[in-house]
Amino acid sequence: MTSNQNLRAASKAKNDEFYTQLVDIELELKHYKEHFKNKVIFCNCDDPYESNFFKYFAMNFNYLGLKKLIATCYDNSPIVYTQFSILGVNENKIYPNENRHAYKIEINEVEDMNHDGAIDLSDVQLLLQNKKNTLVHLKGDGDFRSEECVELLKQADIVVTNPPFSLFREYVSQLVEYNKKFLIIGNKNAITYKEIFKLIKENMLWLGYRNINSDMWLIVPGNYACEKVIDGKRLKHIMACWFTNLETTKRHENLILYKHYNPDEYPKYDNYDAINIDKTCDIPCDYDGCMGVPITFLDKYNPDQFEILGDSRFHDGQEFSDDINILNGKALYRRLLIRRK
């Protein structure tokens, strides 16, 4: 096996083929309209036949004022060609599942093809009747790391998708390498990854508008365990949130602090000079030293109001083998280290 094949096998083995519901995409992306105008949007982990990201941008192409929409699919996607038909015909007859091909779709123009006065899913299905839009097979497997997909990435202004959670570090690293704007979904635990936390600390990545405590119900293929089925969609509760480097108004809202410091209510850790705070709302308004707060603090993090110093494992410019969040001999859950500005 090549290195790339090993990574692909590992990704599939971890069962992280999760697909985002359209309602969750709509609720988040409504905040970013000004960012999308006259931009090339790239959905590079999205089978356009099924991707709700693709459907959202196609249906809102004119409303958002997009310049171009590009989507690429992965040839081993478990749902490729199985339901939604871009061409308005049964694609299983044209592209049987046992002979899947990776492909890309480029959308340059969206018209009201059925002349009903609105751009909706029926128009999305007819997109390729417009000669300005194209669907072509890729030479490779559609992996976001492939040469073909990297070349498409270079053309893009903003990447919006739900990448494989098991490859999240590598995926974000590629976006940073090519200096791309992005809005993506990831596991909440990614906050504590060394590579991701470094970007958060340096204000190169932050959370989106959705509350970090509000997990998502993501769509899973038929061979995955699910917790409920709604309208034929198999849904699984996932600890997921939005990560972005697009500017938001939310991250510049001041957190209102009303509590005052006293050493009894705010004890220091056994092994580090920082006070422990169990809830973000309990941050004292009059303490200027180092504070340990839950990772959910990032949902309220304003870089104009606070400085992130590190976390339980990465602090003082170093990585430690033992967490510092020990209180009265008991290890607490992961903490961020912050200080008021």
C-alpha atoms as a PDB file:
ATOM      1  CA  MET A   1       0.000   0.000   0.000  1.00  0.00           C
ATOM      2  CA  THR A   2       1.178   3.536  -0.740  1.00  0.00           C
ATOM      3  CA  SER A   3       1.129   6.168   1.995  1.00  0.00           C
ATOM      4  CA  ASN A   4      -1.908   7.789   0.416  1.00  0.00           C
ATOM      5  CA  GLN A   5      -3.723   4.453   0.244  1.00  0.00           C
ATOM      6  CA  ASN A   6      -2.953   3.824   3.899  1.00  0.00           C
ATOM      7  CA  LEU A   7      -4.474   7.155   4.843  1.00  0.00           C
ATOM      8  CA  ARG A   8      -7.571   6.435   2.790  1.00  0.00           C
ATOM      9  CA  ALA A   9      -7.976   3.030   4.403  1.00  0.00           C
ATOM     10  CA  ALA A  10      -7.575   4.530   7.849  1.00  0.00           C
ATOM     11  CA  SER A  11     -10.177   7.154   7.072  1.00  0.00           C
ATOM     12  CA  LYS A  12     -12.729   4.612   5.917  1.00  0.00           C
ATOM     13  CA  ALA A  13     -12.033   2.341   8.890  1.00  0.00           C
ATOM     14  CA  LYS A  14     -12.885   5.137  11.305  1.00  0.00           C
ATOM     15  CA  ASN A  15     -16.408   5.500   9.899  1.00  0.00           C
ATOM     16  CA  ASP A  16     -16.356   9.283   9.591  1.00  0.00           C
ATOM     17  CA  GLU A  17     -18.423   9.666   6.424  1.00  0.00           C
ATOM     18  CA  PHE A  18     -20.881  12.144   7.924  1.00  0.00           C
ATOM     19  CA  TYR A  19     -23.118  14.354   5.785  1.00  0.00           C
ATOM     20  CA  THR A  20     -24.556  17.678   6.874  1.00  0.00           C
ATOM     21  CA  GLN A  21     -28.259  18.456   6.916  1.00  0.00           C
ATOM     22  CA  LEU A  22     -29.355  21.371   4.737  1.00  0.00           C
ATOM     23  CA  VAL A  23     -31.018  23.113   7.689  1.00  0.00           C
ATOM     24  CA  ASP A  24     -27.721  23.211   9.618  1.00  0.00           C
ATOM     25  CA  ILE A  25     -25.926  24.638   6.589  1.00  0.00           C
ATOM     26  CA  GLU A  26     -28.581  27.307   6.126  1.00  0.00           C
ATOM     27  CA  LEU A  27     -28.505  28.327   9.796  1.00  0.00           C
ATOM     28  CA  GLU A  28     -24.733  28.881   9.755  1.00  0.00           C
ATOM     29  CA  LEU A  29     -24.089  30.207   6.263  1.00  0.00           C
ATOM     30  CA  LYS A  30     -26.752  32.911   6.475  1.00  0.00           C
ATOM     31  CA  HIS A  31     -24.228  34.911   8.523  1.00  0.00           C
ATOM     32  CA  TYR A  32     -21.547  35.003   5.815  1.00  0.00           C
ATOM     33  CA  LYS A  33     -23.313  36.464   2.762  1.00  0.00           C
ATOM     34  CA  GLU A  34     -20.922  39.407   2.424  1.00  0.00           C
ATOM     35  CA  HIS A  35     -17.957  37.024   2.295  1.00  0.00           C
ATOM     36  CA  PHE A  36     -19.304  35.030  -0.664  1.00  0.00           C
ATOM     37  CA  LYS A  37     -20.029  37.828  -3.165  1.00  0.00           C
ATOM     38  CA  ASN A  38     -18.053  37.416  -6.413  1.00  0.00           C
ATOM     39  CA  LYS A  39     -16.058  34.525  -4.936  1.00  0.00           C
ATOM     40  CA  VAL A  40     -15.122  31.060  -6.191  1.00  0.00           C
ATOM     41  CA  ILE A  41     -16.509  28.532  -3.702  1.00  0.00           C
ATOM     42  CA  PHE A  42     -14.929  25.073  -3.547  1.00  0.00           C
ATOM     43  CA  CYS A  43     -16.624  22.092  -1.912  1.00  0.00           C
ATOM     44  CA  ASN A  44     -13.847  19.515  -2.147  1.00  0.00           C
ATOM     45  CA  CYS A  45     -15.315  16.717  -0.040  1.00  0.00           C
ATOM     46  CA  ASP A  46     -18.759  16.753  -1.609  1.00  0.00           C
ATOM     47  CA  ASP A  47     -20.519  14.460  -4.027  1.00  0.00           C
ATOM     48  CA  PRO A  48     -22.762  16.988  -5.824  1.00  0.00           C
ATOM     49  CA  TYR A  49     -25.386  14.288  -6.296  1.00  0.00           C
ATOM     50  CA  GLU A  50     -25.910  14.234  -2.524  1.00  0.00           C
ATOM     51  CA  SER A  51     -24.028  17.135  -0.941  1.00  0.00           C
ATOM     52  CA  ASN A  52     -26.247  19.640   0.797  1.00  0.00           C
ATOM     53  CA  PHE A  53     -23.382  22.135   0.611  1.00  0.00           C
ATOM     54  CA  PHE A  54     -23.529  21.898  -3.175  1.00  0.00           C
ATOM     55  CA  LYS A  55     -27.322  22.196  -3.154  1.00  0.00           C
ATOM     56  CA  TYR A  56     -27.183  25.238  -0.859  1.00  0.00           C
ATOM     57  CA  PHE A  57     -24.705  27.133  -3.019  1.00  0.00           C
ATOM     58  CA  ALA A  58     -26.409  26.112  -6.271  1.00  0.00           C
ATOM     59  CA  MET A  59     -29.840  27.241  -5.063  1.00  0.00           C
ATOM     60  CA  ASN A  60     -28.377  30.490  -3.663  1.00  0.00           C
ATOM     61  CA  PHE A  61     -25.840  31.087  -6.450  1.00  0.00           C
ATOM     62  CA  ASN A  62     -27.476  34.318  -7.667  1.00  0.00           C
ATOM     63  CA  TYR A  63     -28.605  35.512  -4.233  1.00  0.00           C
ATOM     64  CA  LEU A  64     -25.042  35.262  -2.909  1.00  0.00           C
ATOM     65  CA  GLY A  65     -23.546  36.694  -6.099  1.00  0.00           C
ATOM     66  CA  LEU A  66     -21.105  33.817  -6.550  1.00  0.00           C
ATOM     67  CA  LYS A  67     -18.523  33.906  -9.303  1.00  0.00           C
ATOM     68  CA  LYS A  68     -18.193  30.117  -9.546  1.00  0.00           C
ATOM     69  CA  LEU A  69     -19.064  26.967  -7.612  1.00  0.00           C
ATOM     70  CA  ILE A  70     -16.780  23.925  -7.815  1.00  0.00           C
ATOM     71  CA  ALA A  71     -17.479  20.565  -6.185  1.00  0.00           C
ATOM     72  CA  THR A  72     -15.476  17.342  -6.319  1.00  0.00           C
ATOM     73  CA  CYS A  73     -16.491  13.894  -5.185  1.00  0.00           C
ATOM     74  CA  TYR A  74     -14.476  11.027  -3.789  1.00  0.00           C
ATOM     75  CA  ASP A  75     -14.769   7.820  -5.830  1.00  0.00           C
ATOM     76  CA  ASN A  76     -15.387   5.677  -2.729  1.00  0.00           C
ATOM     77  CA  SER A  77     -18.193   7.791  -1.308  1.00  0.00           C
ATOM     78  CA  PRO A  78     -20.812   5.321  -0.051  1.00  0.00           C
ATOM     79  CA  ILE A  79     -23.662   7.439  -1.395  1.00  0.00           C
ATOM     80  CA  VAL A  80     -22.280   8.559  -4.744  1.00  0.00           C
ATOM     81  CA  TYR A  81     -24.868   8.411  -7.540  1.00  0.00           C
ATOM     82  CA  THR A  82     -27.504   6.818  -5.301  1.00  0.00           C
ATOM     83  CA  GLN A  83     -30.237   9.430  -4.798  1.00  0.00           C
ATOM     84  CA  PHE A  84     -30.259  13.005  -6.052  1.00  0.00           C
ATOM     85  CA  SER A  85     -29.832  13.251  -9.821  1.00  0.00           C
ATOM     86  CA  ILE A  86     -28.020  16.292 -11.211  1.00  0.00           C
ATOM     87  CA  LEU A  87     -29.043  15.385 -14.732  1.00  0.00           C
ATOM     88  CA  GLY A  88     -32.654  14.656 -13.929  1.00  0.00           C
ATOM     89  CA  VAL A  89     -32.377  10.978 -14.854  1.00  0.00           C
ATOM     90  CA  ASN A  90     -31.583   7.772 -13.007  1.00  0.00           C
ATOM     91  CA  GLU A  91     -27.809   8.044 -12.829  1.00  0.00           C
ATOM     92  CA  ASN A  92     -27.458   4.502 -11.515  1.00  0.00           C
ATOM     93  CA  LYS A  93     -28.109   3.356 -15.069  1.00  0.00           C
ATOM     94  CA  ILE A  94     -25.280   5.528 -16.334  1.00  0.00           C
ATOM     95  CA  TYR A  95     -22.793   5.234 -13.484  1.00  0.00           C
ATOM     96  CA  PRO A  96     -23.341   1.901 -11.730  1.00  0.00           C
ATOM     97  CA  ASN A  97     -22.100   1.906  -8.138  1.00  0.00           C
ATOM     98  CA  GLU A  98     -19.582  -0.839  -8.781  1.00  0.00           C
ATOM     99  CA  ASN A  99     -17.865   1.401 -11.346  1.00  0.00           C
ATOM    100  CA  ARG A 100     -17.799   4.747  -9.568  1.00  0.00           C
ATOM    101  CA  HIS A 101     -15.718   7.612 -10.871  1.00  0.00           C
ATOM    102  CA  ALA A 102     -14.510  10.705  -9.100  1.00  0.00           C
ATOM    103  CA  TYR A 103     -15.658  13.839 -10.897  1.00  0.00           C
ATOM    104  CA  LYS A 104     -15.950  17.589 -10.597  1.00  0.00           C
ATOM    105  CA  ILE A 105     -18.808  19.918 -11.352  1.00  0.00           C
ATOM    106  CA  GLU A 106     -18.223  23.579 -12.145  1.00  0.00           C
ATOM    107  CA  ILE A 107     -21.193  25.926 -11.989  1.00  0.00           C
ATOM    108  CA  ASN A 108     -20.832  29.332 -13.617  1.00  0.00           C
ATOM    109  CA  GLU A 109     -24.474  30.226 -14.112  1.00  0.00           C
ATOM    110  CA  VAL A 110     -27.759  29.230 -12.483  1.00  0.00           C
ATOM    111  CA  GLU A 111     -30.999  29.940 -14.326  1.00  0.00           C
ATOM    112  CA  ASP A 112     -34.655  29.365 -13.569  1.00  0.00           C
ATOM    113  CA  MET A 113     -34.751  26.373 -15.905  1.00  0.00           C
ATOM    114  CA  ASN A 114     -38.347  25.376 -15.159  1.00  0.00           C
ATOM    115  CA  HIS A 115     -39.568  29.005 -15.342  1.00  0.00           C
ATOM    116  CA  ASP A 116     -41.421  28.882 -12.023  1.00  0.00           C
ATOM    117  CA  GLY A 117     -39.946  32.178 -10.808  1.00  0.00           C
ATOM    118  CA  ALA A 118     -37.606  30.658  -8.223  1.00  0.00           C
ATOM    119  CA  ILE A 119     -34.299  28.804  -8.034  1.00  0.00           C
ATOM    120  CA  ASP A 120     -34.982  25.530  -6.246  1.00  0.00           C
ATOM    121  CA  LEU A 121     -33.934  21.883  -6.252  1.00  0.00           C
ATOM    122  CA  SER A 122     -35.664  21.221  -9.553  1.00  0.00           C
ATOM    123  CA  ASP A 123     -33.436  23.872 -11.166  1.00  0.00           C
ATOM    124  CA  VAL A 124     -30.346  22.385  -9.524  1.00  0.00           C
ATOM    125  CA  GLN A 125     -31.182  19.053 -11.147  1.00  0.00           C
ATOM    126  CA  LEU A 126     -31.136  20.733 -14.554  1.00  0.00           C
ATOM    127  CA  LEU A 127     -27.903  22.679 -14.064  1.00  0.00           C
ATOM    128  CA  LEU A 128     -25.960  20.781 -16.694  1.00  0.00           C
ATOM    129  CA  GLN A 129     -28.400  21.689 -19.419  1.00  0.00           C
ATOM    130  CA  ASN A 130     -26.695  25.076 -19.260  1.00  0.00           C
ATOM    131  CA  LYS A 131     -23.589  24.936 -21.471  1.00  0.00           C
ATOM    132  CA  LYS A 132     -21.718  27.242 -19.102  1.00  0.00           C
ATOM    133  CA  ASN A 133     -21.743  24.474 -16.469  1.00  0.00           C
ATOM    134  CA  THR A 134     -19.697  21.292 -16.768  1.00  0.00           C
ATOM    135  CA  LEU A 135     -19.307  17.827 -15.274  1.00  0.00           C
ATOM    136  CA  VAL A 136     -16.098  15.930 -16.029  1.00  0.00           C
ATOM    137  CA  HIS A 137     -14.486  12.783 -14.649  1.00  0.00           C
ATOM    138  CA  LEU A 138     -11.280  13.258 -12.696  1.00  0.00           C
ATOM    139  CA  LYS A 139      -8.261  11.188 -13.575  1.00  0.00           C
ATOM    140  CA  GLY A 140      -7.647  10.325  -9.930  1.00  0.00           C
ATOM    141  CA  ASP A 141      -9.796   9.341  -6.960  1.00  0.00           C
ATOM    142  CA  GLY A 142     -11.019  12.799  -5.949  1.00  0.00           C
ATOM    143  CA  ASP A 143      -9.054  12.829  -2.684  1.00  0.00           C
ATOM    144  CA  PHE A 144      -8.605  16.430  -1.499  1.00  0.00           C
ATOM    145  CA  ARG A 145      -4.831  15.816  -1.440  1.00  0.00           C
ATOM    146  CA  SER A 146      -4.661  14.684  -5.072  1.00  0.00           C
ATOM    147  CA  GLU A 147      -2.867  16.835  -7.631  1.00  0.00           C
ATOM    148  CA  GLU A 148      -6.105  17.577  -9.478  1.00  0.00           C
ATOM    149  CA  CYS A 149      -7.935  18.720  -6.356  1.00  0.00           C
ATOM    150  CA  VAL A 150      -4.989  20.814  -5.179  1.00  0.00           C
ATOM    151  CA  GLU A 151      -5.011  22.639  -8.517  1.00  0.00           C
ATOM    152  CA  LEU A 152      -8.701  23.366  -8.031  1.00  0.00           C
ATOM    153  CA  LEU A 153      -7.986  24.515  -4.473  1.00  0.00           C
ATOM    154  CA  LYS A 154      -5.531  27.072  -5.839  1.00  0.00           C
ATOM    155  CA  GLN A 155      -8.358  28.577  -7.915  1.00  0.00           C
ATOM    156  CA  ALA A 156     -10.751  28.838  -4.969  1.00  0.00           C
ATOM    157  CA  ASP A 157     -11.390  31.836  -2.754  1.00  0.00           C
ATOM    158  CA  ILE A 158     -13.318  30.050   0.002  1.00  0.00           C
ATOM    159  CA  VAL A 159     -13.586  26.341   0.878  1.00  0.00           C
ATOM    160  CA  VAL A 160     -16.834  25.224   2.503  1.00  0.00           C
ATOM    161  CA  THR A 161     -17.444  21.568   3.372  1.00  0.00           C
ATOM    162  CA  ASN A 162     -17.573  18.800   5.949  1.00  0.00           C
ATOM    163  CA  PRO A 163     -14.182  17.029   5.643  1.00  0.00           C
ATOM    164  CA  PRO A 164     -13.408  13.548   7.047  1.00  0.00           C
ATOM    165  CA  PHE A 165     -12.992  13.988  10.802  1.00  0.00           C
ATOM    166  CA  SER A 166     -10.118  11.492  10.947  1.00  0.00           C
ATOM    167  CA  LEU A 167      -8.135  13.630   8.484  1.00  0.00           C
ATOM    168  CA  PHE A 168      -9.041  16.974  10.017  1.00  0.00           C
ATOM    169  CA  ARG A 169      -5.490  17.950  10.987  1.00  0.00           C
ATOM    170  CA  GLU A 170      -4.184  17.260   7.511  1.00  0.00           C
ATOM    171  CA  TYR A 171      -7.156  18.927   5.876  1.00  0.00           C
ATOM    172  CA  VAL A 172      -6.759  22.175   7.833  1.00  0.00           C
ATOM    173  CA  SER A 173      -2.992  22.101   7.329  1.00  0.00           C
ATOM    174  CA  GLN A 174      -3.536  22.094   3.573  1.00  0.00           C
ATOM    175  CA  LEU A 175      -5.901  25.064   3.769  1.00  0.00           C
ATOM    176  CA  VAL A 176      -3.356  27.013   5.802  1.00  0.00           C
ATOM    177  CA  GLU A 177      -0.535  26.039   3.437  1.00  0.00           C
ATOM    178  CA  TYR A 178      -2.427  27.512   0.488  1.00  0.00           C
ATOM    179  CA  ASN A 179      -3.649  30.514   2.497  1.00  0.00           C
ATOM    180  CA  LYS A 180      -7.331  29.767   1.890  1.00  0.00           C
ATOM    181  CA  LYS A 181     -10.395  31.156   3.569  1.00  0.00           C
ATOM    182  CA  PHE A 182     -12.649  28.401   4.870  1.00  0.00           C
ATOM    183  CA  LEU A 183     -15.803  27.453   6.724  1.00  0.00           C
ATOM    184  CA  ILE A 184     -15.802  23.777   7.682  1.00  0.00           C
ATOM    185  CA  ILE A 185     -17.290  21.310  10.146  1.00  0.00           C
ATOM    186  CA  GLY A 186     -15.126  19.331  12.554  1.00  0.00           C
ATOM    187  CA  ASN A 187     -15.322  17.320  15.742  1.00  0.00           C
ATOM    188  CA  LYS A 188     -15.350  19.561  18.830  1.00  0.00           C
ATOM    189  CA  ASN A 189     -12.421  17.598  20.223  1.00  0.00           C
ATOM    190  CA  ALA A 190     -10.322  18.985  17.351  1.00  0.00           C
ATOM    191  CA  ILE A 191     -10.000  22.123  19.484  1.00  0.00           C
ATOM    192  CA  THR A 192      -7.519  20.233  21.660  1.00  0.00           C
ATOM    193  CA  TYR A 193      -5.374  18.941  18.781  1.00  0.00           C
ATOM    194  CA  LYS A 194      -1.962  20.544  19.024  1.00  0.00           C
ATOM    195  CA  GLU A 195      -2.024  21.666  15.385  1.00  0.00           C
ATOM    196  CA  ILE A 196      -5.540  23.132  15.597  1.00  0.00           C
ATOM    197  CA  PHE A 197      -5.107  24.725  19.009  1.00  0.00           C
ATOM    198  CA  LYS A 198      -1.997  26.547  17.786  1.00  0.00           C
ATOM    199  CA  LEU A 199      -4.089  28.173  15.037  1.00  0.00           C
ATOM    200  CA  ILE A 200      -6.786  29.142  17.548  1.00  0.00           C
ATOM    201  CA  LYS A 201      -4.211  30.630  19.915  1.00  0.00           C
ATOM    202  CA  GLU A 202      -2.683  32.657  17.074  1.00  0.00           C
ATOM    203  CA  ASN A 203      -6.104  33.864  15.888  1.00  0.00           C
ATOM    204  CA  MET A 204      -5.793  32.092  12.558  1.00  0.00           C
ATOM    205  CA  LEU A 205      -8.896  29.963  13.176  1.00  0.00           C
ATOM    206  CA  TRP A 206     -11.982  30.359  15.358  1.00  0.00           C
ATOM    207  CA  LEU A 207     -15.466  28.962  15.895  1.00  0.00           C
ATOM    208  CA  GLY A 208     -18.500  29.821  13.794  1.00  0.00           C
ATOM    209  CA  TYR A 209     -21.853  31.162  14.948  1.00  0.00           C
ATOM    210  CA  ARG A 210     -23.434  27.885  16.059  1.00  0.00           C
ATOM    211  CA  ASN A 211     -23.234  27.385  19.817  1.00  0.00           C
ATOM    212  CA  ILE A 212     -20.479  24.910  20.638  1.00  0.00           C
ATOM    213  CA  ASN A 213     -22.776  23.170  23.122  1.00  0.00           C
ATOM    214  CA  SER A 214     -25.309  22.463  20.374  1.00  0.00           C
ATOM    215  CA  ASP A 215     -24.171  19.215  18.742  1.00  0.00           C
ATOM    216  CA  MET A 216     -25.308  18.237  15.261  1.00  0.00           C
ATOM    217  CA  TRP A 217     -27.414  15.448  13.860  1.00  0.00           C
ATOM    218  CA  LEU A 218     -25.473  14.375  10.787  1.00  0.00           C
ATOM    219  CA  ILE A 219     -26.606  12.033   8.017  1.00  0.00           C
ATOM    220  CA  VAL A 220     -24.870   8.644   7.802  1.00  0.00           C
ATOM    221  CA  PRO A 221     -24.944   6.027   4.996  1.00  0.00           C
ATOM    222  CA  GLY A 222     -26.983   2.847   5.302  1.00  0.00           C
ATOM    223  CA  ASN A 223     -24.101   0.703   6.559  1.00  0.00           C
ATOM    224  CA  TYR A 224     -23.543   2.945   9.611  1.00  0.00           C
ATOM    225  CA  ALA A 225     -25.310   2.740  12.957  1.00  0.00           C
ATOM    226  CA  CYS A 226     -27.803   5.555  13.401  1.00  0.00           C
ATOM    227  CA  GLU A 227     -29.903   6.857  16.290  1.00  0.00           C
ATOM    228  CA  LYS A 228     -32.999   7.960  14.398  1.00  0.00           C
ATOM    229  CA  VAL A 229     -34.491   8.117  10.917  1.00  0.00           C
ATOM    230  CA  ILE A 230     -36.362  11.184   9.670  1.00  0.00           C
ATOM    231  CA  ASP A 231     -37.819  11.406   6.158  1.00  0.00           C
ATOM    232  CA  GLY A 232     -35.726   8.435   5.167  1.00  0.00           C
ATOM    233  CA  LYS A 233     -32.479  10.025   6.385  1.00  0.00           C
ATOM    234  CA  ARG A 234     -30.396   8.067   8.890  1.00  0.00           C
ATOM    235  CA  LEU A 235     -29.159  10.488  11.561  1.00  0.00           C
ATOM    236  CA  LYS A 236     -26.434  10.210  14.176  1.00  0.00           C
ATOM    237  CA  HIS A 237     -25.711  12.632  17.024  1.00  0.00           C
ATOM    238  CA  ILE A 238     -22.191  13.984  16.516  1.00  0.00           C
ATOM    239  CA  MET A 239     -20.062  16.299  18.685  1.00  0.00           C
ATOM    240  CA  ALA A 240     -19.414  18.714  15.835  1.00  0.00           C
ATOM    241  CA  CYS A 241     -19.023  22.455  15.368  1.00  0.00           C
ATOM    242  CA  TRP A 242     -18.046  25.000  12.725  1.00  0.00           C
ATOM    243  CA  PHE A 243     -14.457  26.186  12.274  1.00  0.00           C
ATOM    244  CA  THR A 244     -13.594  29.202  10.139  1.00  0.00           C
ATOM    245  CA  ASN A 245     -11.159  32.002   9.431  1.00  0.00           C
ATOM    246  CA  LEU A 246     -13.862  34.226   7.933  1.00  0.00           C
ATOM    247  CA  GLU A 247     -14.437  37.290  10.077  1.00  0.00           C
ATOM    248  CA  THR A 248     -17.577  37.197  12.236  1.00  0.00           C
ATOM    249  CA  THR A 249     -19.326  39.786  14.363  1.00  0.00           C
ATOM    250  CA  LYS A 250     -19.795  37.194  17.087  1.00  0.00           C
ATOM    251  CA  ARG A 251     -16.097  36.982  17.928  1.00  0.00           C
ATOM    252  CA  HIS A 252     -15.977  40.700  18.724  1.00  0.00           C
ATOM    253  CA  GLU A 253     -18.855  40.709  21.188  1.00  0.00           C
ATOM    254  CA  ASN A 254     -17.661  41.391  24.737  1.00  0.00           C
ATOM    255  CA  LEU A 255     -18.420  38.757  27.342  1.00  0.00           C
ATOM    256  CA  ILE A 256     -20.231  40.487  30.218  1.00  0.00           C
ATOM    257  CA  LEU A 257     -18.365  39.752  33.458  1.00  0.00           C
ATOM    258  CA  TYR A 258     -20.163  40.324  36.738  1.00  0.00           C
ATOM    259  CA  LYS A 259     -18.506  38.118  39.360  1.00  0.00           C
ATOM    260  CA  HIS A 260     -15.653  39.244  41.601  1.00  0.00           C
ATOM    261  CA  TYR A 261     -12.575  37.263  42.532  1.00  0.00           C
ATOM    262  CA  ASN A 262     -12.135  35.624  45.905  1.00  0.00           C
ATOM    263  CA  PRO A 263      -9.620  32.829  46.612  1.00  0.00           C
ATOM    264  CA  ASP A 264     -12.200  30.528  48.170  1.00  0.00           C
ATOM    265  CA  GLU A 265     -14.416  30.423  45.105  1.00  0.00           C
ATOM    266  CA  TYR A 266     -11.498  30.398  42.659  1.00  0.00           C
ATOM    267  CA  PRO A 267      -8.822  27.950  43.932  1.00  0.00           C
ATOM    268  CA  LYS A 268      -5.501  27.573  42.156  1.00  0.00           C
ATOM    269  CA  TYR A 269      -4.350  24.345  40.523  1.00  0.00           C
ATOM    270  CA  ASP A 270      -2.073  22.084  42.536  1.00  0.00           C
ATOM    271  CA  ASN A 271       0.663  22.219  39.920  1.00  0.00           C
ATOM    272  CA  TYR A 272       0.260  25.532  38.067  1.00  0.00           C
ATOM    273  CA  ASP A 273      -0.200  29.194  38.954  1.00  0.00           C
ATOM    274  CA  ALA A 274      -3.698  29.670  37.552  1.00  0.00           C
ATOM    275  CA  ILE A 275      -7.151  29.778  39.098  1.00  0.00           C
ATOM    276  CA  ASN A 276      -9.780  27.242  38.073  1.00  0.00           C
ATOM    277  CA  ILE A 277     -13.095  28.333  36.563  1.00  0.00           C
ATOM    278  CA  ASP A 278     -15.740  25.695  35.837  1.00  0.00           C
ATOM    279  CA  LYS A 279     -18.121  27.859  33.800  1.00  0.00           C
ATOM    280  CA  THR A 280     -17.368  30.620  31.316  1.00  0.00           C
ATOM    281  CA  CYS A 281     -20.042  32.812  32.890  1.00  0.00           C
ATOM    282  CA  ASP A 282     -18.101  32.693  36.205  1.00  0.00           C
ATOM    283  CA  ILE A 283     -14.956  34.429  34.887  1.00  0.00           C
ATOM    284  CA  PRO A 284     -14.237  37.225  37.426  1.00  0.00           C
ATOM    285  CA  CYS A 285     -14.170  40.800  36.197  1.00  0.00           C
ATOM    286  CA  ASP A 286     -11.319  41.849  38.485  1.00  0.00           C
ATOM    287  CA  TYR A 287      -8.693  39.093  38.165  1.00  0.00           C
ATOM    288  CA  ASP A 288      -5.728  39.870  35.919  1.00  0.00           C
ATOM    289  CA  GLY A 289      -3.781  36.637  36.291  1.00  0.00           C
ATOM    290  CA  CYS A 290      -3.907  33.322  34.451  1.00  0.00           C
ATOM    291  CA  MET A 291      -7.245  31.467  34.485  1.00  0.00           C
ATOM    292  CA  GLY A 292      -8.185  27.934  33.457  1.00  0.00           C
ATOM    293  CA  VAL A 293     -11.567  27.784  31.700  1.00  0.00           C
ATOM    294  CA  PRO A 294     -13.513  25.032  29.875  1.00  0.00           C
ATOM    295  CA  ILE A 295     -12.882  24.658  26.133  1.00  0.00           C
ATOM    296  CA  THR A 296     -16.469  25.832  25.585  1.00  0.00           C
ATOM    297  CA  PHE A 297     -15.103  29.293  26.446  1.00  0.00           C
ATOM    298  CA  LEU A 298     -14.136  29.523  22.774  1.00  0.00           C
ATOM    299  CA  ASP A 299     -17.786  30.043  21.927  1.00  0.00           C
ATOM    300  CA  LYS A 300     -17.535  33.409  23.763  1.00  0.00           C
ATOM    301  CA  TYR A 301     -13.910  34.187  22.964  1.00  0.00           C
ATOM    302  CA  ASN A 302     -13.269  37.778  21.934  1.00  0.00           C
ATOM    303  CA  PRO A 303      -9.586  38.347  21.048  1.00  0.00           C
ATOM    304  CA  ASP A 304     -10.016  42.030  21.915  1.00  0.00           C
ATOM    305  CA  GLN A 305     -11.055  41.109  25.459  1.00  0.00           C
ATOM    306  CA  PHE A 306      -8.972  38.006  26.260  1.00  0.00           C
ATOM    307  CA  GLU A 307      -5.618  36.474  25.412  1.00  0.00           C
ATOM    308  CA  ILE A 308      -5.259  32.700  25.058  1.00  0.00           C
ATOM    309  CA  LEU A 309      -2.032  31.640  26.775  1.00  0.00           C
ATOM    310  CA  GLY A 310      -2.252  27.894  26.211  1.00  0.00           C
ATOM    311  CA  ASP A 311      -4.183  24.931  27.488  1.00  0.00           C
ATOM    312  CA  SER A 312      -3.716  22.091  29.952  1.00  0.00           C
ATOM    313  CA  ARG A 313      -1.105  20.403  27.768  1.00  0.00           C
ATOM    314  CA  PHE A 314       0.362  23.242  25.676  1.00  0.00           C
ATOM    315  CA  HIS A 315       1.482  26.252  27.645  1.00  0.00           C
ATOM    316  CA  ASP A 316       4.487  28.485  28.304  1.00  0.00           C
ATOM    317  CA  GLY A 317       5.591  27.738  24.744  1.00  0.00           C
ATOM    318  CA  GLN A 318       6.014  24.041  25.511  1.00  0.00           C
ATOM    319  CA  GLU A 319       4.183  20.733  25.236  1.00  0.00           C
ATOM    320  CA  PHE A 320       3.929  18.747  28.473  1.00  0.00           C
ATOM    321  CA  SER A 321       3.250  15.068  29.041  1.00  0.00           C
ATOM    322  CA  ASP A 322       1.106  15.752  32.119  1.00  0.00           C
ATOM    323  CA  ASP A 323      -1.877  18.100  32.242  1.00  0.00           C
ATOM    324  CA  ILE A 324      -1.664  21.019  34.666  1.00  0.00           C
ATOM    325  CA  ASN A 325      -5.357  21.029  35.546  1.00  0.00           C
ATOM    326  CA  ILE A 326      -5.033  19.159  38.866  1.00  0.00           C
ATOM    327  CA  LEU A 327      -7.217  20.494  41.657  1.00  0.00           C
ATOM    328  CA  ASN A 328      -7.105  18.969  45.149  1.00  0.00           C
ATOM    329  CA  GLY A 329      -5.417  15.919  43.687  1.00  0.00           C
ATOM    330  CA  LYS A 330      -8.108  15.394  41.047  1.00  0.00           C
ATOM    331  CA  ALA A 331      -7.567  15.833  37.311  1.00  0.00           C
ATOM    332  CA  LEU A 332     -10.207  18.025  35.706  1.00  0.00           C
ATOM    333  CA  TYR A 333     -11.339  17.979  32.087  1.00  0.00           C
ATOM    334  CA  ARG A 334      -9.193  19.861  29.596  1.00  0.00           C
ATOM    335  CA  ARG A 335      -8.836  23.568  30.327  1.00  0.00           C
ATOM    336  CA  LEU A 336      -7.831  26.592  28.269  1.00  0.00           C
ATOM    337  CA  LEU A 337      -5.472  29.083  29.897  1.00  0.00           C
ATOM    338  CA  ILE A 338      -6.539  32.689  29.367  1.00  0.00           C
ATOM    339  CA  ARG A 339      -5.922  36.174  30.685  1.00  0.00           C
ATOM    340  CA  ARG A 340      -7.973  39.346  30.453  1.00  0.00           C
ATOM    341  CA  LYS A 341      -6.495  42.079  28.292  1.00  0.00           C
END
